[in-house]
């Protein structure tokens, strides 16, 4: 089954997810919403924020690479099928990620 994660929406943290899908999707949301170097005991966790003020095409490519690598490293049960981006006139990019769960 394919699930879609919208990077702009962060539902409240659930400390006791009921299903495997809920747990994995929450983990992926946490990975993509965390800025690299902001987690004291694991500075590599998250997505690099160095794309600020870069051209949109370069930022999309860099973010896609960061998302693929971070999810592969920190949540191997999630297999990314695709990454698309929504953007607005201010230049803010919001990732939309389609994942399957490897059980």
PDB file of N, CA and C in Angstrom:
ATOM      1  N   UNK A   1       0.835  -1.172   0.000  1.00  0.00           N
ATOM      2  CA  UNK A   1       0.000   0.000   0.000  1.00  0.00           C
ATOM      3  C   UNK A   1       0.890   1.247   0.000  1.00  0.00           C
ATOM      4  N   UNK A   2       0.483   2.245  -0.758  1.00  0.00           N
ATOM      5  CA  UNK A   2       1.235   3.491  -0.850  1.00  0.00           C
ATOM      6  C   UNK A   2       0.594   4.546   0.034  1.00  0.00           C
ATOM      7  N   UNK A   3       1.442   5.264   0.784  1.00  0.00           N
ATOM      8  CA  UNK A   3       0.992   6.335   1.666  1.00  0.00           C
ATOM      9  C   UNK A   3       1.617   7.640   1.197  1.00  0.00           C
ATOM     10  N   UNK A   4       0.896   8.736   1.375  1.00  0.00           N
ATOM     11  CA  UNK A   4       1.439  10.043   1.029  1.00  0.00           C
ATOM     12  C   UNK A   4       1.673  10.853   2.301  1.00  0.00           C
ATOM     13  N   UNK A   5       2.852  11.442   2.383  1.00  0.00           N
ATOM     14  CA  UNK A   5       3.221  12.279   3.514  1.00  0.00           C
ATOM     15  C   UNK A   5       3.404  13.691   3.000  1.00  0.00           C
ATOM     16  N   UNK A   6       2.688  14.623   3.590  1.00  0.00           N
ATOM     17  CA  UNK A   6       2.822  16.026   3.238  1.00  0.00           C
ATOM     18  C   UNK A   6       3.746  16.672   4.255  1.00  0.00           C
ATOM     19  N   UNK A   7       4.886  17.162   3.785  1.00  0.00           N
ATOM     20  CA  UNK A   7       5.878  17.740   4.680  1.00  0.00           C
ATOM     21  C   UNK A   7       5.416  18.986   5.406  1.00  0.00           C
ATOM     22  N   UNK A   8       4.351  19.610   4.945  1.00  0.00           N
ATOM     23  CA  UNK A   8       3.873  20.822   5.587  1.00  0.00           C
ATOM     24  C   UNK A   8       2.971  20.562   6.772  1.00  0.00           C
ATOM     25  N   UNK A   9       2.438  19.367   6.872  1.00  0.00           N
ATOM     26  CA  UNK A   9       1.510  19.035   7.952  1.00  0.00           C
ATOM     27  C   UNK A   9       2.223  18.169   8.990  1.00  0.00           C
ATOM     28  N   UNK A  10       2.233  18.624  10.221  1.00  0.00           N
ATOM     29  CA  UNK A  10       2.829  17.828  11.295  1.00  0.00           C
ATOM     30  C   UNK A  10       1.772  17.593  12.359  1.00  0.00           C
ATOM     31  N   UNK A  11       1.118  16.416  12.305  1.00  0.00           N
ATOM     32  CA  UNK A  11       0.127  16.116  13.344  1.00  0.00           C
ATOM     33  C   UNK A  11       0.805  15.955  14.701  1.00  0.00           C
ATOM     34  N   UNK A  12       0.027  15.985  15.771  1.00  0.00           N
ATOM     35  CA  UNK A  12       0.629  15.823  17.107  1.00  0.00           C
ATOM     36  C   UNK A  12       1.379  14.494  17.224  1.00  0.00           C
ATOM     37  N   UNK A  13       2.448  14.503  17.984  1.00  0.00           N
ATOM     38  CA  UNK A  13       3.262  13.312  18.193  1.00  0.00           C
ATOM     39  C   UNK A  13       2.479  12.263  18.969  1.00  0.00           C
ATOM     40  N   UNK A  14       2.482  11.036  18.467  1.00  0.00           N
ATOM     41  CA  UNK A  14       1.800   9.922  19.116  1.00  0.00           C
ATOM     42  C   UNK A  14       2.872   9.021  19.726  1.00  0.00           C
ATOM     43  N   UNK A  15       2.958   8.980  21.039  1.00  0.00           N
ATOM     44  CA  UNK A  15       3.990   8.190  21.702  1.00  0.00           C
ATOM     45  C   UNK A  15       3.697   6.696  21.730  1.00  0.00           C
ATOM     46  N   UNK A  16       2.492   6.304  21.330  1.00  0.00           N
ATOM     47  CA  UNK A  16       2.132   4.887  21.302  1.00  0.00           C
ATOM     48  C   UNK A  16       1.349   4.578  20.029  1.00  0.00           C
ATOM     49  N   UNK A  17       2.025   4.601  18.870  1.00  0.00           N
ATOM     50  CA  UNK A  17       1.304   4.289  17.635  1.00  0.00           C
ATOM     51  C   UNK A  17       0.753   2.865  17.664  1.00  0.00           C
ATOM     52  N   UNK A  18      -0.443   2.713  17.138  1.00  0.00           N
ATOM     53  CA  UNK A  18      -1.138   1.422  17.195  1.00  0.00           C
ATOM     54  C   UNK A  18      -0.659   0.479  16.100  1.00  0.00           C
ATOM     55  N   UNK A  19      -0.439   1.013  14.907  1.00  0.00           N
ATOM     56  CA  UNK A  19      -0.063   0.165  13.778  1.00  0.00           C
ATOM     57  C   UNK A  19       1.360   0.460  13.333  1.00  0.00           C
ATOM     58  N   UNK A  20       1.922  -0.483  12.601  1.00  0.00           N
ATOM     59  CA  UNK A  20       3.250  -0.312  12.033  1.00  0.00           C
ATOM     60  C   UNK A  20       3.256   0.866  11.064  1.00  0.00           C
ATOM     61  N   UNK A  21       2.221   0.984  10.255  1.00  0.00           N
ATOM     62  CA  UNK A  21       2.141   2.073   9.283  1.00  0.00           C
ATOM     63  C   UNK A  21       2.153   3.428   9.983  1.00  0.00           C
ATOM     64  N   UNK A  22       1.395   3.560  11.040  1.00  0.00           N
ATOM     65  CA  UNK A  22       1.343   4.816  11.790  1.00  0.00           C
ATOM     66  C   UNK A  22       2.721   5.166  12.353  1.00  0.00           C
ATOM     67  N   UNK A  23       3.414   4.173  12.869  1.00  0.00           N
ATOM     68  CA  UNK A  23       4.748   4.391  13.439  1.00  0.00           C
ATOM     69  C   UNK A  23       5.751   4.829  12.377  1.00  0.00           C
ATOM     70  N   UNK A  24       5.780   4.129  11.250  1.00  0.00           N
ATOM     71  CA  UNK A  24       6.738   4.424  10.190  1.00  0.00           C
ATOM     72  C   UNK A  24       6.464   5.798   9.579  1.00  0.00           C
ATOM     73  N   UNK A  25       5.204   6.110   9.316  1.00  0.00           N
ATOM     74  CA  UNK A  25       4.855   7.403   8.729  1.00  0.00           C
ATOM     75  C   UNK A  25       5.211   8.549   9.679  1.00  0.00           C
ATOM     76  N   UNK A  26       4.974   8.360  10.950  1.00  0.00           N
ATOM     77  CA  UNK A  26       5.345   9.375  11.932  1.00  0.00           C
ATOM     78  C   UNK A  26       6.867   9.560  11.957  1.00  0.00           C
ATOM     79  N   UNK A  27       7.611   8.469  11.865  1.00  0.00           N
ATOM     80  CA  UNK A  27       9.070   8.559  11.856  1.00  0.00           C
ATOM     81  C   UNK A  27       9.575   9.319  10.635  1.00  0.00           C
ATOM     82  N   UNK A  28       8.985   9.055   9.472  1.00  0.00           N
ATOM     83  CA  UNK A  28       9.393   9.759   8.254  1.00  0.00           C
ATOM     84  C   UNK A  28       9.072  11.246   8.378  1.00  0.00           C
ATOM     85  N   UNK A  29       7.896  11.580   8.903  1.00  0.00           N
ATOM     86  CA  UNK A  29       7.547  12.996   9.114  1.00  0.00           C
ATOM     87  C   UNK A  29       8.559  13.676  10.033  1.00  0.00           C
ATOM     88  N   UNK A  30       8.969  12.983  11.067  1.00  0.00           N
ATOM     89  CA  UNK A  30       9.937  13.544  12.012  1.00  0.00           C
ATOM     90  C   UNK A  30      11.289  13.769  11.332  1.00  0.00           C
ATOM     91  N   UNK A  31      11.703  12.837  10.500  1.00  0.00           N
ATOM     92  CA  UNK A  31      12.975  12.962   9.790  1.00  0.00           C
ATOM     93  C   UNK A  31      12.960  14.189   8.880  1.00  0.00           C
ATOM     94  N   UNK A  32      11.900  14.346   8.092  1.00  0.00           N
ATOM     95  CA  UNK A  32      11.889  15.439   7.116  1.00  0.00           C
ATOM     96  C   UNK A  32      11.586  16.796   7.737  1.00  0.00           C
ATOM     97  N   UNK A  33      11.117  16.814   8.977  1.00  0.00           N
ATOM     98  CA  UNK A  33      10.817  18.099   9.613  1.00  0.00           C
ATOM     99  C   UNK A  33      11.921  18.543  10.575  1.00  0.00           C
ATOM    100  N   UNK A  34      12.985  17.759  10.673  1.00  0.00           N
ATOM    101  CA  UNK A  34      14.089  18.089  11.574  1.00  0.00           C
ATOM    102  C   UNK A  34      15.262  18.624  10.759  1.00  0.00           C
ATOM    103  N   UNK A  35      15.839  19.721  11.222  1.00  0.00           N
ATOM    104  CA  UNK A  35      17.001  20.299  10.555  1.00  0.00           C
ATOM    105  C   UNK A  35      18.254  19.598  11.064  1.00  0.00           C
ATOM    106  N   UNK A  36      19.101  19.204  10.123  1.00  0.00           N
ATOM    107  CA  UNK A  36      20.358  18.545  10.464  1.00  0.00           C
ATOM    108  C   UNK A  36      21.163  19.419  11.419  1.00  0.00           C
ATOM    109  N   UNK A  37      21.892  18.789  12.318  1.00  0.00           N
ATOM    110  CA  UNK A  37      22.743  19.412  13.340  1.00  0.00           C
ATOM    111  C   UNK A  37      21.948  19.966  14.523  1.00  0.00           C
ATOM    112  N   UNK A  38      20.619  19.767  14.564  1.00  0.00           N
ATOM    113  CA  UNK A  38      19.826  20.291  15.678  1.00  0.00           C
ATOM    114  C   UNK A  38      19.567  19.252  16.766  1.00  0.00           C
ATOM    115  N   UNK A  39      19.928  17.998  16.525  1.00  0.00           N
ATOM    116  CA  UNK A  39      19.726  16.928  17.513  1.00  0.00           C
ATOM    117  C   UNK A  39      21.075  16.676  18.196  1.00  0.00           C
ATOM    118  N   UNK A  40      21.182  16.977  19.489  1.00  0.00           N
ATOM    119  CA  UNK A  40      22.476  16.926  20.174  1.00  0.00           C
ATOM    120  C   UNK A  40      23.228  15.595  20.084  1.00  0.00           C
ATOM    121  N   UNK A  41      22.574  14.474  20.249  1.00  0.00           N
ATOM    122  CA  UNK A  41      23.283  13.194  20.274  1.00  0.00           C
ATOM    123  C   UNK A  41      23.446  12.559  18.890  1.00  0.00           C
ATOM    124  N   UNK A  42      22.826  13.130  17.878  1.00  0.00           N
ATOM    125  CA  UNK A  42      22.970  12.628  16.507  1.00  0.00           C
ATOM    126  C   UNK A  42      22.859  13.807  15.551  1.00  0.00           C
ATOM    127  N   UNK A  43      23.965  14.486  15.331  1.00  0.00           N
ATOM    128  CA  UNK A  43      23.983  15.696  14.505  1.00  0.00           C
ATOM    129  C   UNK A  43      23.636  15.425  13.040  1.00  0.00           C
ATOM    130  N   UNK A  44      23.726  14.190  12.578  1.00  0.00           N
ATOM    131  CA  UNK A  44      23.415  13.855  11.190  1.00  0.00           C
ATOM    132  C   UNK A  44      21.925  13.609  10.951  1.00  0.00           C
ATOM    133  N   UNK A  45      21.133  13.531  12.017  1.00  0.00           N
ATOM    134  CA  UNK A  45      19.702  13.252  11.887  1.00  0.00           C
ATOM    135  C   UNK A  45      19.002  14.451  11.250  1.00  0.00           C
ATOM    136  N   UNK A  46      18.159  14.193  10.265  1.00  0.00           N
ATOM    137  CA  UNK A  46      17.356  15.250   9.661  1.00  0.00           C
ATOM    138  C   UNK A  46      17.818  15.635   8.271  1.00  0.00           C
ATOM    139  N   UNK A  47      17.344  16.800   7.840  1.00  0.00           N
ATOM    140  CA  UNK A  47      17.571  17.296   6.491  1.00  0.00           C
ATOM    141  C   UNK A  47      18.414  18.572   6.565  1.00  0.00           C
ATOM    142  N   UNK A  48      19.419  18.672   5.702  1.00  0.00           N
ATOM    143  CA  UNK A  48      20.310  19.828   5.672  1.00  0.00           C
ATOM    144  C   UNK A  48      19.554  21.085   5.250  1.00  0.00           C
ATOM    145  N   UNK A  49      19.726  22.149   5.983  1.00  0.00           N
ATOM    146  CA  UNK A  49      19.048  23.411   5.692  1.00  0.00           C
ATOM    147  C   UNK A  49      19.854  24.334   4.798  1.00  0.00           C
ATOM    148  N   UNK A  50      20.888  23.826   4.145  1.00  0.00           N
ATOM    149  CA  UNK A  50      21.768  24.661   3.323  1.00  0.00           C
ATOM    150  C   UNK A  50      21.142  25.090   2.006  1.00  0.00           C
ATOM    151  N   UNK A  51      19.913  24.698   1.732  1.00  0.00           N
ATOM    152  CA  UNK A  51      19.283  25.041   0.452  1.00  0.00           C
ATOM    153  C   UNK A  51      18.599  26.402   0.475  1.00  0.00           C
ATOM    154  N   UNK A  52      18.613  27.050   1.624  1.00  0.00           N
ATOM    155  CA  UNK A  52      17.975  28.355   1.741  1.00  0.00           C
ATOM    156  C   UNK A  52      18.639  29.331   0.765  1.00  0.00           C
ATOM    157  N   UNK A  53      17.829  30.060   0.036  1.00  0.00           N
ATOM    158  CA  UNK A  53      18.270  31.073  -0.931  1.00  0.00           C
ATOM    159  C   UNK A  53      18.952  30.493  -2.168  1.00  0.00           C
ATOM    160  N   UNK A  54      18.771  29.233  -2.430  1.00  0.00           N
ATOM    161  CA  UNK A  54      19.283  28.646  -3.671  1.00  0.00           C
ATOM    162  C   UNK A  54      18.175  28.642  -4.716  1.00  0.00           C
ATOM    163  N   UNK A  55      18.529  28.568  -5.999  1.00  0.00           N
ATOM    164  CA  UNK A  55      17.485  28.467  -7.034  1.00  0.00           C
ATOM    165  C   UNK A  55      16.605  27.242  -6.791  1.00  0.00           C
ATOM    166  N   UNK A  56      15.335  27.368  -7.159  1.00  0.00           N
ATOM    167  CA  UNK A  56      14.337  26.320  -6.885  1.00  0.00           C
ATOM    168  C   UNK A  56      14.776  24.955  -7.407  1.00  0.00           C
ATOM    169  N   UNK A  57      15.260  24.863  -8.628  1.00  0.00           N
ATOM    170  CA  UNK A  57      15.636  23.556  -9.190  1.00  0.00           C
ATOM    171  C   UNK A  57      16.785  22.916  -8.423  1.00  0.00           C
ATOM    172  N   UNK A  58      17.743  23.719  -8.010  1.00  0.00           N
ATOM    173  CA  UNK A  58      18.859  23.195  -7.224  1.00  0.00           C
ATOM    174  C   UNK A  58      18.373  22.779  -5.845  1.00  0.00           C
ATOM    175  N   UNK A  59      17.505  23.592  -5.254  1.00  0.00           N
ATOM    176  CA  UNK A  59      16.964  23.262  -3.931  1.00  0.00           C
ATOM    177  C   UNK A  59      16.161  21.962  -3.978  1.00  0.00           C
ATOM    178  N   UNK A  60      15.340  21.773  -5.008  1.00  0.00           N
ATOM    179  CA  UNK A  60      14.553  20.530  -5.138  1.00  0.00           C
ATOM    180  C   UNK A  60      15.465  19.315  -5.247  1.00  0.00           C
ATOM    181  N   UNK A  61      16.496  19.415  -6.072  1.00  0.00           N
ATOM    182  CA  UNK A  61      17.418  18.289  -6.251  1.00  0.00           C
ATOM    183  C   UNK A  61      18.147  17.979  -4.946  1.00  0.00           C
ATOM    184  N   UNK A  62      18.627  19.016  -4.271  1.00  0.00           N
ATOM    185  CA  UNK A  62      19.358  18.817  -3.006  1.00  0.00           C
ATOM    186  C   UNK A  62      18.444  18.224  -1.933  1.00  0.00           C
ATOM    187  N   UNK A  63      17.222  18.762  -1.804  1.00  0.00           N
ATOM    188  CA  UNK A  63      16.285  18.242  -0.803  1.00  0.00           C
ATOM    189  C   UNK A  63      15.884  16.803  -1.108  1.00  0.00           C
ATOM    190  N   UNK A  64      15.649  16.497  -2.380  1.00  0.00           N
ATOM    191  CA  UNK A  64      15.287  15.114  -2.747  1.00  0.00           C
ATOM    192  C   UNK A  64      16.391  14.150  -2.321  1.00  0.00           C
ATOM    193  N   UNK A  65      17.631  14.508  -2.610  1.00  0.00           N
ATOM    194  CA  UNK A  65      18.765  13.680  -2.223  1.00  0.00           C
ATOM    195  C   UNK A  65      18.844  13.529  -0.703  1.00  0.00           C
ATOM    196  N   UNK A  66      18.693  14.632   0.020  1.00  0.00           N
ATOM    197  CA  UNK A  66      18.732  14.597   1.482  1.00  0.00           C
ATOM    198  C   UNK A  66      17.623  13.708   2.048  1.00  0.00           C
ATOM    199  N   UNK A  67      16.409  13.836   1.500  1.00  0.00           N
ATOM    200  CA  UNK A  67      15.271  13.045   1.989  1.00  0.00           C
ATOM    201  C   UNK A  67      15.503  11.562   1.738  1.00  0.00           C
ATOM    202  N   UNK A  68      15.920  11.198   0.518  1.00  0.00           N
ATOM    203  CA  UNK A  68      16.185   9.791   0.213  1.00  0.00           C
ATOM    204  C   UNK A  68      17.230   9.210   1.161  1.00  0.00           C
ATOM    205  N   UNK A  69      18.337   9.918   1.344  1.00  0.00           N
ATOM    206  CA  UNK A  69      19.416   9.405   2.192  1.00  0.00           C
ATOM    207  C   UNK A  69      19.008   9.310   3.659  1.00  0.00           C
ATOM    208  N   UNK A  70      18.318  10.330   4.164  1.00  0.00           N
ATOM    209  CA  UNK A  70      17.930  10.330   5.584  1.00  0.00           C
ATOM    210  C   UNK A  70      16.903   9.236   5.882  1.00  0.00           C
ATOM    211  N   UNK A  71      15.922   9.071   5.005  1.00  0.00           N
ATOM    212  CA  UNK A  71      14.907   8.042   5.237  1.00  0.00           C
ATOM    213  C   UNK A  71      15.531   6.660   5.115  1.00  0.00           C
ATOM    214  N   UNK A  72      16.400   6.459   4.146  1.00  0.00           N
ATOM    215  CA  UNK A  72      17.070   5.161   3.996  1.00  0.00           C
ATOM    216  C   UNK A  72      17.890   4.827   5.241  1.00  0.00           C
ATOM    217  N   UNK A  73      18.528   5.837   5.832  1.00  0.00           N
ATOM    218  CA  UNK A  73      19.380   5.599   6.997  1.00  0.00           C
ATOM    219  C   UNK A  73      18.585   5.409   8.289  1.00  0.00           C
ATOM    220  N   UNK A  74      17.590   6.270   8.524  1.00  0.00           N
ATOM    221  CA  UNK A  74      16.920   6.292   9.829  1.00  0.00           C
ATOM    222  C   UNK A  74      15.587   5.538   9.875  1.00  0.00           C
ATOM    223  N   UNK A  75      14.993   5.259   8.745  1.00  0.00           N
ATOM    224  CA  UNK A  75      13.739   4.497   8.737  1.00  0.00           C
ATOM    225  C   UNK A  75      13.738   3.568   7.527  1.00  0.00           C
ATOM    226  N   UNK A  76      14.518   2.471   7.604  1.00  0.00           N
ATOM    227  CA  UNK A  76      14.641   1.564   6.453  1.00  0.00           C
ATOM    228  C   UNK A  76      13.351   0.812   6.117  1.00  0.00           C
ATOM    229  N   UNK A  77      12.365   0.846   7.007  1.00  0.00           N
ATOM    230  CA  UNK A  77      11.090   0.176   6.694  1.00  0.00           C
ATOM    231  C   UNK A  77      10.273   0.971   5.684  1.00  0.00           C
ATOM    232  N   UNK A  78      10.612   2.232   5.466  1.00  0.00           N
ATOM    233  CA  UNK A  78       9.901   3.071   4.494  1.00  0.00           C
ATOM    234  C   UNK A  78      10.681   3.078   3.185  1.00  0.00           C
ATOM    235  N   UNK A  79       9.997   2.766   2.106  1.00  0.00           N
ATOM    236  CA  UNK A  79      10.601   2.792   0.781  1.00  0.00           C
ATOM    237  C   UNK A  79       9.964   3.938   0.007  1.00  0.00           C
ATOM    238  N   UNK A  80      10.772   4.922  -0.362  1.00  0.00           N
ATOM    239  CA  UNK A  80      10.248   6.100  -1.058  1.00  0.00           C
ATOM    240  C   UNK A  80      10.000   5.766  -2.519  1.00  0.00           C
ATOM    241  N   UNK A  81       8.781   6.042  -2.968  1.00  0.00           N
ATOM    242  CA  UNK A  81       8.424   5.851  -4.380  1.00  0.00           C
ATOM    243  C   UNK A  81       8.652   7.126  -5.181  1.00  0.00           C
ATOM    244  N   UNK A  82       8.277   8.266  -4.589  1.00  0.00           N
ATOM    245  CA  UNK A  82       8.457   9.527  -5.303  1.00  0.00           C
ATOM    246  C   UNK A  82       8.461  10.690  -4.322  1.00  0.00           C
ATOM    247  N   UNK A  83       9.080  11.777  -4.775  1.00  0.00           N
ATOM    248  CA  UNK A  83       9.077  13.021  -4.023  1.00  0.00           C
ATOM    249  C   UNK A  83       8.687  14.131  -4.987  1.00  0.00           C
ATOM    250  N   UNK A  84       7.643  14.860  -4.655  1.00  0.00           N
ATOM    251  CA  UNK A  84       7.229  16.044  -5.402  1.00  0.00           C
ATOM    252  C   UNK A  84       7.268  17.218  -4.449  1.00  0.00           C
ATOM    253  N   UNK A  85       7.229  18.412  -4.995  1.00  0.00           N
ATOM    254  CA  UNK A  85       7.266  19.606  -4.160  1.00  0.00           C
ATOM    255  C   UNK A  85       6.147  20.553  -4.547  1.00  0.00           C
ATOM    256  N   UNK A  86       5.537  21.149  -3.539  1.00  0.00           N
ATOM    257  CA  UNK A  86       4.630  22.274  -3.725  1.00  0.00           C
ATOM    258  C   UNK A  86       5.415  23.510  -3.333  1.00  0.00           C
ATOM    259  N   UNK A  87       5.210  24.579  -4.065  1.00  0.00           N
ATOM    260  CA  UNK A  87       5.899  25.810  -3.728  1.00  0.00           C
ATOM    261  C   UNK A  87       4.952  26.984  -3.815  1.00  0.00           C
ATOM    262  N   UNK A  88       5.321  28.053  -3.177  1.00  0.00           N
ATOM    263  CA  UNK A  88       4.517  29.264  -3.278  1.00  0.00           C
ATOM    264  C   UNK A  88       5.396  30.412  -3.765  1.00  0.00           C
ATOM    265  N   UNK A  89       4.796  31.577  -3.932  1.00  0.00           N
ATOM    266  CA  UNK A  89       5.533  32.717  -4.480  1.00  0.00           C
ATOM    267  C   UNK A  89       6.642  33.219  -3.558  1.00  0.00           C
ATOM    268  N   UNK A  90       6.597  32.847  -2.292  1.00  0.00           N
ATOM    269  CA  UNK A  90       7.664  33.253  -1.371  1.00  0.00           C
ATOM    270  C   UNK A  90       8.892  32.348  -1.490  1.00  0.00           C
ATOM    271  N   UNK A  91       8.772  31.245  -2.225  1.00  0.00           N
ATOM    272  CA  UNK A  91       9.893  30.334  -2.420  1.00  0.00           C
ATOM    273  C   UNK A  91       9.927  29.168  -1.449  1.00  0.00           C
ATOM    274  N   UNK A  92       8.892  29.034  -0.615  1.00  0.00           N
ATOM    275  CA  UNK A  92       8.867  27.930   0.346  1.00  0.00           C
ATOM    276  C   UNK A  92       8.488  26.637  -0.370  1.00  0.00           C
ATOM    277  N   UNK A  93       9.327  25.616  -0.212  1.00  0.00           N
ATOM    278  CA  UNK A  93       9.064  24.301  -0.805  1.00  0.00           C
ATOM    279  C   UNK A  93       8.519  23.362   0.263  1.00  0.00           C
ATOM    280  N   UNK A  94       7.455  22.644  -0.092  1.00  0.00           N
ATOM    281  CA  UNK A  94       6.876  21.661   0.811  1.00  0.00           C
ATOM    282  C   UNK A  94       6.928  20.303   0.110  1.00  0.00           C
ATOM    283  N   UNK A  95       7.670  19.336   0.670  1.00  0.00           N
ATOM    284  CA  UNK A  95       7.757  18.029   0.017  1.00  0.00           C
ATOM    285  C   UNK A  95       6.477  17.213   0.186  1.00  0.00           C
ATOM    286  N   UNK A  96       6.128  16.480  -0.860  1.00  0.00           N
ATOM    287  CA  UNK A  96       5.051  15.488  -0.820  1.00  0.00           C
ATOM    288  C   UNK A  96       5.708  14.165  -1.201  1.00  0.00           C
ATOM    289  N   UNK A  97       5.726  13.265  -0.233  1.00  0.00           N
ATOM    290  CA  UNK A  97       6.463  12.023  -0.404  1.00  0.00           C
ATOM    291  C   UNK A  97       5.498  10.843  -0.439  1.00  0.00           C
ATOM    292  N   UNK A  98       5.683   9.961  -1.403  1.00  0.00           N
ATOM    293  CA  UNK A  98       4.906   8.722  -1.474  1.00  0.00           C
ATOM    294  C   UNK A  98       5.826   7.585  -1.038  1.00  0.00           C
ATOM    295  N   UNK A  99       5.374   6.840  -0.030  1.00  0.00           N
ATOM    296  CA  UNK A  99       6.177   5.744   0.505  1.00  0.00           C
ATOM    297  C   UNK A  99       5.355   4.461   0.583  1.00  0.00           C
ATOM    298  N   UNK A 100       6.071   3.359   0.519  1.00  0.00           N
ATOM    299  CA  UNK A 100       5.510   2.056   0.836  1.00  0.00           C
ATOM    300  C   UNK A 100       6.222   1.570   2.073  1.00  0.00           C
ATOM    301  N   UNK A 101       5.543   0.726   2.829  1.00  0.00           N
ATOM    302  CA  UNK A 101       6.133   0.216   4.070  1.00  0.00           C
ATOM    303  C   UNK A 101       6.592  -1.208   3.844  1.00  0.00           C
ATOM    304  N   UNK A 102       7.866  -1.417   4.126  1.00  0.00           N
ATOM    305  CA  UNK A 102       8.497  -2.725   4.028  1.00  0.00           C
ATOM    306  C   UNK A 102       8.339  -3.429   5.360  1.00  0.00           C
ATOM    307  N   UNK A 103       7.552  -4.468   5.418  1.00  0.00           N
ATOM    308  CA  UNK A 103       7.298  -5.120   6.711  1.00  0.00           C
ATOM    309  C   UNK A 103       8.212  -6.293   6.924  1.00  0.00           C
TER     310      UNK A 103
END
